[in-house]
PDB file of N, CA and C in Angstrom:
ATOM      1  N   UNK A   1      71.490 151.069-194.264  1.00  0.00           N
ATOM      2  CA  UNK A   1      70.099 150.738-194.109  1.00  0.00           C
ATOM      3  C   UNK A   1      69.273 151.503-195.141  1.00  0.00           C
ATOM      4  N   UNK A   2      69.609 152.749-195.349  1.00  0.00           N
ATOM      5  CA  UNK A   2      68.853 153.558-196.307  1.00  0.00           C
ATOM      6  C   UNK A   2      69.010 153.048-197.727  1.00  0.00           C
ATOM      7  N   UNK A   3      70.189 152.565-198.038  1.00  0.00           N
ATOM      8  CA  UNK A   3      70.454 152.085-199.395  1.00  0.00           C
ATOM      9  C   UNK A   3      69.675 150.817-199.722  1.00  0.00           C
ATOM     10  N   UNK A   4      69.610 149.880-198.796  1.00  0.00           N
ATOM     11  CA  UNK A   4      68.992 148.581-199.059  1.00  0.00           C
ATOM     12  C   UNK A   4      67.606 148.417-198.444  1.00  0.00           C
ATOM     13  N   UNK A   5      67.372 149.055-197.326  1.00  0.00           N
ATOM     14  CA  UNK A   5      66.146 148.810-196.592  1.00  0.00           C
ATOM     15  C   UNK A   5      66.261 147.503-195.817  1.00  0.00           C
ATOM     16  N   UNK A   6      65.321 147.288-194.944  1.00  0.00           N
ATOM     17  CA  UNK A   6      65.356 146.087-194.103  1.00  0.00           C
ATOM     18  C   UNK A   6      65.281 144.823-194.948  1.00  0.00           C
ATOM     19  N   UNK A   7      64.362 144.773-195.901  1.00  0.00           N
ATOM     20  CA  UNK A   7      64.229 143.554-196.716  1.00  0.00           C
ATOM     21  C   UNK A   7      65.469 143.326-197.573  1.00  0.00           C
ATOM     22  N   UNK A   8      66.110 144.375-198.033  1.00  0.00           N
ATOM     23  CA  UNK A   8      67.335 144.230-198.812  1.00  0.00           C
ATOM     24  C   UNK A   8      68.473 143.669-197.987  1.00  0.00           C
ATOM     25  N   UNK A   9      68.601 144.140-196.772  1.00  0.00           N
ATOM     26  CA  UNK A   9      69.640 143.626-195.873  1.00  0.00           C
ATOM     27  C   UNK A   9      69.356 142.169-195.514  1.00  0.00           C
ATOM     28  N   UNK A  10      68.093 141.861-195.277  1.00  0.00           N
ATOM     29  CA  UNK A  10      67.731 140.472-194.981  1.00  0.00           C
ATOM     30  C   UNK A  10      68.098 139.557-196.147  1.00  0.00           C
ATOM     31  N   UNK A  11      67.806 139.980-197.363  1.00  0.00           N
ATOM     32  CA  UNK A  11      68.130 139.179-198.542  1.00  0.00           C
ATOM     33  C   UNK A  11      69.648 139.019-198.695  1.00  0.00           C
ATOM     34  N   UNK A  12      70.386 140.083-198.444  1.00  0.00           N
ATOM     35  CA  UNK A  12      71.845 140.069-198.510  1.00  0.00           C
ATOM     36  C   UNK A  12      72.395 139.017-197.545  1.00  0.00           C
ATOM     37  N   UNK A  13      71.913 139.023-196.305  1.00  0.00           N
ATOM     38  CA  UNK A  13      72.372 138.071-195.293  1.00  0.00           C
ATOM     39  C   UNK A  13      71.973 136.648-195.673  1.00  0.00           C
ATOM     40  N   UNK A  14      70.747 136.457-196.112  1.00  0.00           N
ATOM     41  CA  UNK A  14      70.298 135.113-196.523  1.00  0.00           C
ATOM     42  C   UNK A  14      71.158 134.564-197.656  1.00  0.00           C
ATOM     43  N   UNK A  15      71.476 135.408-198.618  1.00  0.00           N
ATOM     44  CA  UNK A  15      72.305 134.989-199.750  1.00  0.00           C
ATOM     45  C   UNK A  15      73.689 134.553-199.273  1.00  0.00           C
ATOM     46  N   UNK A  16      74.287 135.321-198.382  1.00  0.00           N
ATOM     47  CA  UNK A  16      75.610 134.961-197.881  1.00  0.00           C
ATOM     48  C   UNK A  16      75.573 133.667-197.070  1.00  0.00           C
ATOM     49  N   UNK A  17      74.534 133.459-196.330  1.00  0.00           N
ATOM     50  CA  UNK A  17      74.390 132.206-195.588  1.00  0.00           C
ATOM     51  C   UNK A  17      74.286 131.029-196.553  1.00  0.00           C
ATOM     52  N   UNK A  18      73.503 131.173-197.605  1.00  0.00           N
ATOM     53  CA  UNK A  18      73.354 130.096-198.595  1.00  0.00           C
ATOM     54  C   UNK A  18      74.672 129.821-199.316  1.00  0.00           C
ATOM     55  N   UNK A  19      75.414 130.868-199.652  1.00  0.00           N
ATOM     56  CA  UNK A  19      76.706 130.674-200.310  1.00  0.00           C
ATOM     57  C   UNK A  19      77.693 129.982-199.371  1.00  0.00           C
ATOM     58  N   UNK A  20      77.674 130.342-198.101  1.00  0.00           N
ATOM     59  CA  UNK A  20      78.540 129.676-197.127  1.00  0.00           C
ATOM     60  C   UNK A  20      78.152 128.202-196.986  1.00  0.00           C
ATOM     61  N   UNK A  21      76.871 127.913-197.000  1.00  0.00           N
ATOM     62  CA  UNK A  21      76.419 126.517-196.937  1.00  0.00           C
ATOM     63  C   UNK A  21      76.891 125.737-198.159  1.00  0.00           C
ATOM     64  N   UNK A  22      76.893 126.388-199.302  1.00  0.00           N
ATOM     65  CA  UNK A  22      77.392 125.736-200.525  1.00  0.00           C
ATOM     66  C   UNK A  22      78.859 125.351-200.341  1.00  0.00           C
ATOM     67  N   UNK A  23      79.659 126.287-199.834  1.00  0.00           N
ATOM     68  CA  UNK A  23      81.070 125.998-199.587  1.00  0.00           C
ATOM     69  C   UNK A  23      81.216 124.891-198.546  1.00  0.00           C
ATOM     70  N   UNK A  24      80.413 124.956-197.500  1.00  0.00           N
ATOM     71  CA  UNK A  24      80.451 123.929-196.454  1.00  0.00           C
ATOM     72  C   UNK A  24      80.186 122.540-197.053  1.00  0.00           C
ATOM     73  N   UNK A  25      79.243 122.434-197.964  1.00  0.00           N
ATOM     74  CA  UNK A  25      78.943 121.138-198.591  1.00  0.00           C
ATOM     75  C   UNK A  25      80.138 120.623-199.388  1.00  0.00           C
ATOM     76  N   UNK A  26      80.841 121.514-200.075  1.00  0.00           N
ATOM     77  CA  UNK A  26      82.048 121.098-200.800  1.00  0.00           C
ATOM     78  C   UNK A  26      83.074 120.526-199.826  1.00  0.00           C
ATOM     79  N   UNK A  27      83.305 121.226-198.732  1.00  0.00           N
ATOM     80  CA  UNK A  27      84.290 120.783-197.736  1.00  0.00           C
ATOM     81  C   UNK A  27      83.884 119.431-197.150  1.00  0.00           C
ATOM     82  N   UNK A  28      82.614 119.293-196.794  1.00  0.00           N
ATOM     83  CA  UNK A  28      82.136 118.051-196.191  1.00  0.00           C
ATOM     84  C   UNK A  28      82.223 116.870-197.151  1.00  0.00           C
ATOM     85  N   UNK A  29      82.131 117.127-198.430  1.00  0.00           N
ATOM     86  CA  UNK A  29      82.157 116.049-199.425  1.00  0.00           C
ATOM     87  C   UNK A  29      83.561 115.495-199.651  1.00  0.00           C
ATOM     88  N   UNK A  30      84.569 116.178-199.163  1.00  0.00           N
ATOM     89  CA  UNK A  30      85.952 115.739-199.344  1.00  0.00           C
ATOM     90  C   UNK A  30      86.465 115.098-198.064  1.00  0.00           C
ATOM     91  N   UNK A  31      87.144 113.977-198.210  1.00  0.00           N
ATOM     92  CA  UNK A  31      87.691 113.318-197.019  1.00  0.00           C
ATOM     93  C   UNK A  31      89.012 113.934-196.565  1.00  0.00           C
ATOM     94  N   UNK A  32      89.513 114.940-197.284  1.00  0.00           N
ATOM     95  CA  UNK A  32      90.760 115.603-196.906  1.00  0.00           C
ATOM     96  C   UNK A  32      90.570 116.697-195.859  1.00  0.00           C
ATOM     97  N   UNK A  33      89.333 117.147-195.700  1.00  0.00           N
ATOM     98  CA  UNK A  33      89.068 118.322-194.880  1.00  0.00           C
ATOM     99  C   UNK A  33      88.185 117.997-193.681  1.00  0.00           C
ATOM    100  N   UNK A  34      88.211 118.927-192.730  1.00  0.00           N
ATOM    101  CA  UNK A  34      87.295 118.867-191.603  1.00  0.00           C
ATOM    102  C   UNK A  34      86.820 120.278-191.282  1.00  0.00           C
ATOM    103  N   UNK A  35      85.657 120.348-190.678  1.00  0.00           N
ATOM    104  CA  UNK A  35      85.078 121.614-190.231  1.00  0.00           C
ATOM    105  C   UNK A  35      84.985 121.526-188.711  1.00  0.00           C
ATOM    106  N   UNK A  36      85.903 122.186-187.994  1.00  0.00           N
ATOM    107  CA  UNK A  36      85.978 122.017-186.545  1.00  0.00           C
ATOM    108  C   UNK A  36      84.936 122.791-185.745  1.00  0.00           C
ATOM    109  N   UNK A  37      84.242 123.711-186.379  1.00  0.00           N
ATOM    110  CA  UNK A  37      83.241 124.510-185.679  1.00  0.00           C
ATOM    111  C   UNK A  37      82.105 124.815-186.648  1.00  0.00           C
ATOM    112  N   UNK A  38      80.914 124.884-186.119  1.00  0.00           N
ATOM    113  CA  UNK A  38      79.727 125.129-186.945  1.00  0.00           C
ATOM    114  C   UNK A  38      79.844 126.478-187.671  1.00  0.00           C
ATOM    115  N   UNK A  39      79.592 126.500-188.981  1.00  0.00           N
ATOM    116  CA  UNK A  39      79.625 127.771-189.712  1.00  0.00           C
ATOM    117  C   UNK A  39      78.625 128.774-189.140  1.00  0.00           C
ATOM    118  N   UNK A  40      78.982 130.044-189.247  1.00  0.00           N
ATOM    119  CA  UNK A  40      78.128 131.117-188.741  1.00  0.00           C
ATOM    120  C   UNK A  40      77.963 132.177-189.833  1.00  0.00           C
ATOM    121  N   UNK A  41      76.718 132.465-190.144  1.00  0.00           N
ATOM    122  CA  UNK A  41      76.385 133.425-191.197  1.00  0.00           C
ATOM    123  C   UNK A  41      77.180 133.094-192.452  1.00  0.00           C
ATOM    124  N   UNK A  42      78.062 133.975-192.910  1.00  0.00           N
ATOM    125  CA  UNK A  42      78.810 133.728-194.140  1.00  0.00           C
ATOM    126  C   UNK A  42      80.216 133.229-193.904  1.00  0.00           C
ATOM    127  N   UNK A  43      80.504 132.698-192.726  1.00  0.00           N
ATOM    128  CA  UNK A  43      81.855 132.273-192.365  1.00  0.00           C
ATOM    129  C   UNK A  43      81.923 130.764-192.165  1.00  0.00           C
ATOM    130  N   UNK A  44      82.884 130.128-192.858  1.00  0.00           N
ATOM    131  CA  UNK A  44      83.134 128.698-192.702  1.00  0.00           C
ATOM    132  C   UNK A  44      84.599 128.525-192.311  1.00  0.00           C
ATOM    133  N   UNK A  45      84.838 127.959-191.139  1.00  0.00           N
ATOM    134  CA  UNK A  45      86.194 127.614-190.708  1.00  0.00           C
ATOM    135  C   UNK A  45      86.429 126.153-191.072  1.00  0.00           C
ATOM    136  N   UNK A  46      87.558 125.890-191.704  1.00  0.00           N
ATOM    137  CA  UNK A  46      87.855 124.531-192.149  1.00  0.00           C
ATOM    138  C   UNK A  46      89.352 124.318-192.094  1.00  0.00           C
ATOM    139  N   UNK A  47      89.756 123.078-192.274  1.00  0.00           N
ATOM    140  CA  UNK A  47      91.184 122.762-192.292  1.00  0.00           C
ATOM    141  C   UNK A  47      91.412 121.434-192.978  1.00  0.00           C
ATOM    142  N   UNK A  48      92.630 121.261-193.461  1.00  0.00           N
ATOM    143  CA  UNK A  48      93.044 119.951-193.927  1.00  0.00           C
ATOM    144  C   UNK A  48      93.199 119.064-192.706  1.00  0.00           C
ATOM    145  N   UNK A  49      92.880 117.798-192.839  1.00  0.00           N
ATOM    146  CA  UNK A  49      93.156 116.859-191.754  1.00  0.00           C
ATOM    147  C   UNK A  49      94.670 116.721-191.676  1.00  0.00           C
ATOM    148  N   UNK A  50      95.216 117.084-190.545  1.00  0.00           N
ATOM    149  CA  UNK A  50      96.663 117.053-190.392  1.00  0.00           C
ATOM    150  C   UNK A  50      97.114 118.087-189.386  1.00  0.00           C
ATOM    151  N   UNK A  51      98.385 118.361-189.411  1.00  0.00           N
ATOM    152  CA  UNK A  51      98.998 119.232-188.405  1.00  0.00           C
ATOM    153  C   UNK A  51      98.684 120.710-188.643  1.00  0.00           C
ATOM    154  N   UNK A  52      98.946 121.498-187.624  1.00  0.00           N
ATOM    155  CA  UNK A  52      98.816 122.944-187.762  1.00  0.00           C
ATOM    156  C   UNK A  52      99.807 123.480-188.791  1.00  0.00           C
ATOM    157  N   UNK A  53     101.001 122.909-188.817  1.00  0.00           N
ATOM    158  CA  UNK A  53     102.018 123.340-189.776  1.00  0.00           C
ATOM    159  C   UNK A  53     101.545 123.088-191.207  1.00  0.00           C
ATOM    160  N   UNK A  54     100.917 121.938-191.437  1.00  0.00           N
ATOM    161  CA  UNK A  54     100.366 121.631-192.752  1.00  0.00           C
ATOM    162  C   UNK A  54      99.339 122.682-193.156  1.00  0.00           C
ATOM    163  N   UNK A  55      98.482 123.056-192.228  1.00  0.00           N
ATOM    164  CA  UNK A  55      97.431 124.019-192.538  1.00  0.00           C
ATOM    165  C   UNK A  55      97.977 125.428-192.749  1.00  0.00           C
ATOM    166  N   UNK A  56      99.038 125.787-192.061  1.00  0.00           N
ATOM    167  CA  UNK A  56      99.688 127.083-192.306  1.00  0.00           C
ATOM    168  C   UNK A  56     100.326 127.102-193.692  1.00  0.00           C
ATOM    169  N   UNK A  57     100.962 126.008-194.053  1.00  0.00           N
ATOM    170  CA  UNK A  57     101.549 125.881-195.394  1.00  0.00           C
ATOM    171  C   UNK A  57     100.452 125.951-196.454  1.00  0.00           C
ATOM    172  N   UNK A  58      99.349 125.292-196.186  1.00  0.00           N
ATOM    173  CA  UNK A  58      98.204 125.270-197.099  1.00  0.00           C
ATOM    174  C   UNK A  58      97.651 126.684-197.299  1.00  0.00           C
ATOM    175  N   UNK A  59      97.450 127.409-196.223  1.00  0.00           N
ATOM    176  CA  UNK A  59      96.913 128.759-196.349  1.00  0.00           C
ATOM    177  C   UNK A  59      97.882 129.666-197.107  1.00  0.00           C
ATOM    178  N   UNK A  60      99.155 129.540-196.829  1.00  0.00           N
ATOM    179  CA  UNK A  60     100.148 130.353-197.540  1.00  0.00           C
ATOM    180  C   UNK A  60     100.110 130.061-199.032  1.00  0.00           C
ATOM    181  N   UNK A  61     100.007 128.800-199.392  1.00  0.00           N
ATOM    182  CA  UNK A  61      99.948 128.427-200.813  1.00  0.00           C
ATOM    183  C   UNK A  61      98.695 128.988-201.473  1.00  0.00           C
ATOM    184  N   UNK A  62      97.578 128.957-200.779  1.00  0.00           N
ATOM    185  CA  UNK A  62      96.336 129.515-201.329  1.00  0.00           C
ATOM    186  C   UNK A  62      96.503 131.005-201.576  1.00  0.00           C
ATOM    187  N   UNK A  63      96.978 131.719-200.569  1.00  0.00           N
ATOM    188  CA  UNK A  63      97.129 133.161-200.712  1.00  0.00           C
ATOM    189  C   UNK A  63      98.196 133.530-201.734  1.00  0.00           C
ATOM    190  N   UNK A  64      99.275 132.739-201.796  1.00  0.00           N
ATOM    191  CA  UNK A  64     100.329 132.997-202.783  1.00  0.00           C
ATOM    192  C   UNK A  64      99.850 132.782-204.211  1.00  0.00           C
ATOM    193  N   UNK A  65      98.787 132.004-204.387  1.00  0.00           N
ATOM    194  CA  UNK A  65      98.262 131.773-205.737  1.00  0.00           C
ATOM    195  C   UNK A  65      97.711 133.060-206.344  1.00  0.00           C
ATOM    196  N   UNK A  66      97.302 133.989-205.503  1.00  0.00           N
ATOM    197  CA  UNK A  66      96.731 135.241-205.988  1.00  0.00           C
ATOM    198  C   UNK A  66      95.305 135.112-206.496  1.00  0.00           C
ATOM    199  N   UNK A  67      94.742 133.927-206.383  1.00  0.00           N
ATOM    200  CA  UNK A  67      93.381 133.683-206.890  1.00  0.00           C
ATOM    201  C   UNK A  67      92.329 133.772-205.797  1.00  0.00           C
ATOM    202  N   UNK A  68      92.726 133.428-204.573  1.00  0.00           N
ATOM    203  CA  UNK A  68      91.826 133.416-203.420  1.00  0.00           C
ATOM    204  C   UNK A  68      92.623 133.967-202.248  1.00  0.00           C
ATOM    205  N   UNK A  69      91.951 134.694-201.382  1.00  0.00           N
ATOM    206  CA  UNK A  69      92.613 135.160-200.164  1.00  0.00           C
ATOM    207  C   UNK A  69      91.817 134.687-198.957  1.00  0.00           C
ATOM    208  N   UNK A  70      92.491 133.970-198.078  1.00  0.00           N
ATOM    209  CA  UNK A  70      91.882 133.477-196.842  1.00  0.00           C
ATOM    210  C   UNK A  70      92.668 133.999-195.648  1.00  0.00           C
ATOM    211  N   UNK A  71      92.027 134.002-194.512  1.00  0.00           N
ATOM    212  CA  UNK A  71      92.691 134.312-193.253  1.00  0.00           C
ATOM    213  C   UNK A  71      92.661 133.068-192.390  1.00  0.00           C
ATOM    214  N   UNK A  72      93.641 132.949-191.540  1.00  0.00           N
ATOM    215  CA  UNK A  72      93.688 131.828-190.620  1.00  0.00           C
ATOM    216  C   UNK A  72      93.584 132.324-189.197  1.00  0.00           C
ATOM    217  N   UNK A  73      93.305 131.399-188.312  1.00  0.00           N
ATOM    218  CA  UNK A  73      93.252 131.716-186.889  1.00  0.00           C
ATOM    219  C   UNK A  73      93.488 130.455-186.075  1.00  0.00           C
ATOM    220  N   UNK A  74      93.839 130.655-184.833  1.00  0.00           N
ATOM    221  CA  UNK A  74      93.999 129.546-183.909  1.00  0.00           C
ATOM    222  C   UNK A  74      92.664 129.353-183.202  1.00  0.00           C
ATOM    223  N   UNK A  75      92.084 128.197-183.341  1.00  0.00           N
ATOM    224  CA  UNK A  75      90.808 127.875-182.716  1.00  0.00           C
ATOM    225  C   UNK A  75      91.063 126.736-181.745  1.00  0.00           C
ATOM    226  N   UNK A  76      91.042 127.071-180.464  1.00  0.00           N
ATOM    227  CA  UNK A  76      91.490 126.150-179.429  1.00  0.00           C
ATOM    228  C   UNK A  76      92.929 125.740-179.769  1.00  0.00           C
ATOM    229  N   UNK A  77      93.195 124.491-180.034  1.00  0.00           N
ATOM    230  CA  UNK A  77      94.567 124.074-180.340  1.00  0.00           C
ATOM    231  C   UNK A  77      94.775 123.804-181.827  1.00  0.00           C
ATOM    232  N   UNK A  78      93.820 124.187-182.661  1.00  0.00           N
ATOM    233  CA  UNK A  78      93.917 123.916-184.097  1.00  0.00           C
ATOM    234  C   UNK A  78      94.015 125.208-184.907  1.00  0.00           C
ATOM    235  N   UNK A  79      94.898 125.171-185.894  1.00  0.00           N
ATOM    236  CA  UNK A  79      94.974 126.268-186.852  1.00  0.00           C
ATOM    237  C   UNK A  79      93.931 125.996-187.934  1.00  0.00           C
ATOM    238  N   UNK A  80      93.050 126.953-188.161  1.00  0.00           N
ATOM    239  CA  UNK A  80      91.986 126.796-189.148  1.00  0.00           C
ATOM    240  C   UNK A  80      92.039 127.921-190.172  1.00  0.00           C
ATOM    241  N   UNK A  81      91.515 127.629-191.342  1.00  0.00           N
ATOM    242  CA  UNK A  81      91.372 128.621-192.395  1.00  0.00           C
ATOM    243  C   UNK A  81      89.940 129.126-192.369  1.00  0.00           C
ATOM    244  N   UNK A  82      89.782 130.402-192.653  1.00  0.00           N
ATOM    245  CA  UNK A  82      88.453 130.999-192.610  1.00  0.00           C
ATOM    246  C   UNK A  82      88.060 131.479-194.004  1.00  0.00           C
ATOM    247  N   UNK A  83      86.968 130.934-194.502  1.00  0.00           N
ATOM    248  CA  UNK A  83      86.418 131.366-195.779  1.00  0.00           C
ATOM    249  C   UNK A  83      85.178 132.189-195.458  1.00  0.00           C
ATOM    250  N   UNK A  84      85.246 133.469-195.785  1.00  0.00           N
ATOM    251  CA  UNK A  84      84.139 134.371-195.480  1.00  0.00           C
ATOM    252  C   UNK A  84      83.517 134.885-196.773  1.00  0.00           C
ATOM    253  N   UNK A  85      82.221 134.711-196.893  1.00  0.00           N
ATOM    254  CA  UNK A  85      81.482 135.307-198.006  1.00  0.00           C
ATOM    255  C   UNK A  85      81.195 136.741-197.571  1.00  0.00           C
ATOM    256  N   UNK A  86      81.777 137.703-198.282  1.00  0.00           N
ATOM    257  CA  UNK A  86      81.647 139.088-197.842  1.00  0.00           C
ATOM    258  C   UNK A  86      81.270 140.051-198.962  1.00  0.00           C
ATOM    259  N   UNK A  87      81.511 139.665-200.191  1.00  0.00           N
ATOM    260  CA  UNK A  87      81.257 140.586-201.293  1.00  0.00           C
ATOM    261  C   UNK A  87      79.773 140.754-201.571  1.00  0.00           C
ATOM    262  N   UNK A  88      79.384 141.970-201.811  1.00  0.00           N
ATOM    263  CA  UNK A  88      77.997 142.272-202.155  1.00  0.00           C
ATOM    264  C   UNK A  88      77.579 141.555-203.443  1.00  0.00           C
ATOM    265  N   UNK A  89      78.534 141.351-204.351  1.00  0.00           N
ATOM    266  CA  UNK A  89      78.233 140.722-205.633  1.00  0.00           C
ATOM    267  C   UNK A  89      78.493 139.209-205.658  1.00  0.00           C
ATOM    268  N   UNK A  90      78.791 138.611-204.527  1.00  0.00           N
ATOM    269  CA  UNK A  90      79.118 137.184-204.485  1.00  0.00           C
ATOM    270  C   UNK A  90      77.969 136.340-205.030  1.00  0.00           C
ATOM    271  N   UNK A  91      78.363 135.302-205.795  1.00  0.00           N
ATOM    272  CA  UNK A  91      77.369 134.391-206.379  1.00  0.00           C
ATOM    273  C   UNK A  91      77.907 132.965-206.336  1.00  0.00           C
ATOM    274  N   UNK A  92      77.062 132.007-206.691  1.00  0.00           N
ATOM    275  CA  UNK A  92      77.440 130.598-206.625  1.00  0.00           C
ATOM    276  C   UNK A  92      78.705 130.298-207.409  1.00  0.00           C
ATOM    277  N   UNK A  93      78.852 130.883-208.580  1.00  0.00           N
ATOM    278  CA  UNK A  93      80.032 130.606-209.403  1.00  0.00           C
ATOM    279  C   UNK A  93      81.320 131.052-208.700  1.00  0.00           C
ATOM    280  N   UNK A  94      81.245 132.090-207.878  1.00  0.00           N
ATOM    281  CA  UNK A  94      82.422 132.515-207.113  1.00  0.00           C
ATOM    282  C   UNK A  94      82.814 131.450-206.089  1.00  0.00           C
ATOM    283  N   UNK A  95      81.825 130.863-205.459  1.00  0.00           N
ATOM    284  CA  UNK A  95      82.091 129.800-204.487  1.00  0.00           C
ATOM    285  C   UNK A  95      82.676 128.585-205.199  1.00  0.00           C
ATOM    286  N   UNK A  96      82.135 128.261-206.369  1.00  0.00           N
ATOM    287  CA  UNK A  96      82.635 127.117-207.142  1.00  0.00           C
ATOM    288  C   UNK A  96      84.101 127.315-207.530  1.00  0.00           C
ATOM    289  N   UNK A  97      84.445 128.495-208.006  1.00  0.00           N
ATOM    290  CA  UNK A  97      85.829 128.787-208.397  1.00  0.00           C
ATOM    291  C   UNK A  97      86.739 128.744-207.171  1.00  0.00           C
ATOM    292  N   UNK A  98      86.279 129.329-206.077  1.00  0.00           N
ATOM    293  CA  UNK A  98      87.062 129.314-204.840  1.00  0.00           C
ATOM    294  C   UNK A  98      87.351 127.880-204.414  1.00  0.00           C
ATOM    295  N   UNK A  99      86.340 127.024-204.450  1.00  0.00           N
ATOM    296  CA  UNK A  99      86.540 125.630-204.064  1.00  0.00           C
ATOM    297  C   UNK A  99      87.518 124.931-205.004  1.00  0.00           C
ATOM    298  N   UNK A 100      87.410 125.182-206.296  1.00  0.00           N
ATOM    299  CA  UNK A 100      88.343 124.548-207.245  1.00  0.00           C
ATOM    300  C   UNK A 100      89.781 124.936-206.943  1.00  0.00           C
ATOM    301  N   UNK A 101      90.019 126.197-206.645  1.00  0.00           N
ATOM    302  CA  UNK A 101      91.369 126.653-206.304  1.00  0.00           C
ATOM    303  C   UNK A 101      91.840 125.973-205.021  1.00  0.00           C
ATOM    304  N   UNK A 102      91.020 126.020-203.995  1.00  0.00           N
ATOM    305  CA  UNK A 102      91.388 125.437-202.700  1.00  0.00           C
ATOM    306  C   UNK A 102      91.642 123.942-202.815  1.00  0.00           C
ATOM    307  N   UNK A 103      90.755 123.218-203.481  1.00  0.00           N
ATOM    308  CA  UNK A 103      90.916 121.761-203.565  1.00  0.00           C
ATOM    309  C   UNK A 103      92.113 121.374-204.430  1.00  0.00           C
ATOM    310  N   UNK A 104      92.394 122.137-205.484  1.00  0.00           N
ATOM    311  CA  UNK A 104      93.548 121.788-206.318  1.00  0.00           C
ATOM    312  C   UNK A 104      94.857 122.066-205.581  1.00  0.00           C
ATOM    313  N   UNK A 105      94.904 123.129-204.789  1.00  0.00           N
ATOM    314  CA  UNK A 105      96.102 123.408-203.995  1.00  0.00           C
ATOM    315  C   UNK A 105      96.267 122.349-202.907  1.00  0.00           C
ATOM    316  N   UNK A 106      95.171 121.935-202.294  1.00  0.00           N
ATOM    317  CA  UNK A 106      95.242 120.863-201.291  1.00  0.00           C
ATOM    318  C   UNK A 106      95.800 119.587-201.909  1.00  0.00           C
ATOM    319  N   UNK A 107      95.321 119.251-203.086  1.00  0.00           N
ATOM    320  CA  UNK A 107      95.810 118.047-203.761  1.00  0.00           C
ATOM    321  C   UNK A 107      97.303 118.146-204.054  1.00  0.00           C
ATOM    322  N   UNK A 108      97.744 119.299-204.538  1.00  0.00           N
ATOM    323  CA  UNK A 108      99.163 119.485-204.849  1.00  0.00           C
ATOM    324  C   UNK A 108     100.027 119.364-203.593  1.00  0.00           C
ATOM    325  N   UNK A 109      99.579 119.956-202.511  1.00  0.00           N
ATOM    326  CA  UNK A 109     100.343 119.881-201.256  1.00  0.00           C
ATOM    327  C   UNK A 109     100.398 118.450-200.744  1.00  0.00           C
ATOM    328  N   UNK A 110      99.280 117.761-200.770  1.00  0.00           N
ATOM    329  CA  UNK A 110      99.277 116.381-200.276  1.00  0.00           C
ATOM    330  C   UNK A 110     100.104 115.464-201.163  1.00  0.00           C
ATOM    331  N   UNK A 111     100.045 115.662-202.471  1.00  0.00           N
ATOM    332  CA  UNK A 111     100.865 114.861-203.383  1.00  0.00           C
ATOM    333  C   UNK A 111     102.354 115.105-203.132  1.00  0.00           C
ATOM    334  N   UNK A 112     102.707 116.373-202.903  1.00  0.00           N
ATOM    335  CA  UNK A 112     104.109 116.729-202.628  1.00  0.00           C
ATOM    336  C   UNK A 112     104.579 116.070-201.332  1.00  0.00           C
ATOM    337  N   UNK A 113     103.745 116.086-200.321  1.00  0.00           N
ATOM    338  CA  UNK A 113     104.112 115.495-199.022  1.00  0.00           C
ATOM    339  C   UNK A 113     104.195 113.972-199.084  1.00  0.00           C
ATOM    340  N   UNK A 114     103.404 113.358-199.958  1.00  0.00           N
ATOM    341  CA  UNK A 114     103.384 111.904-200.052  1.00  0.00           C
ATOM    342  C   UNK A 114     104.414 111.331-201.018  1.00  0.00           C
ATOM    343  N   UNK A 115     105.131 112.206-201.715  1.00  0.00           N
ATOM    344  CA  UNK A 115     106.128 111.679-202.673  1.00  0.00           C
ATOM    345  C   UNK A 115     107.520 111.724-202.121  1.00  0.00           C
TER     346      UNK A 115
END
């Protein structure tokens, strides 16, 4: 609190919410994904349309890429991936790069499964 002050913390939170909304828009624009629960603050839970096993494989591939790190969780009966905006220095270009990595890995996995 001393480092940022109230207005600084408010701006930090607002920025993370806006960055999460940016990521949410990317997910919503793709017919491969779904958002099973409303995003909260800087957290967006999402998944590929498909089985829990598919989504576990997807998350492993993302993390194995070394470019993006996500965590997964069981939400009711669905396995979901969690994208959290957490870095103090996070900016729009970081969200754009993250989405490019995630969407390209999703495409590769779906192409592999369909061939």
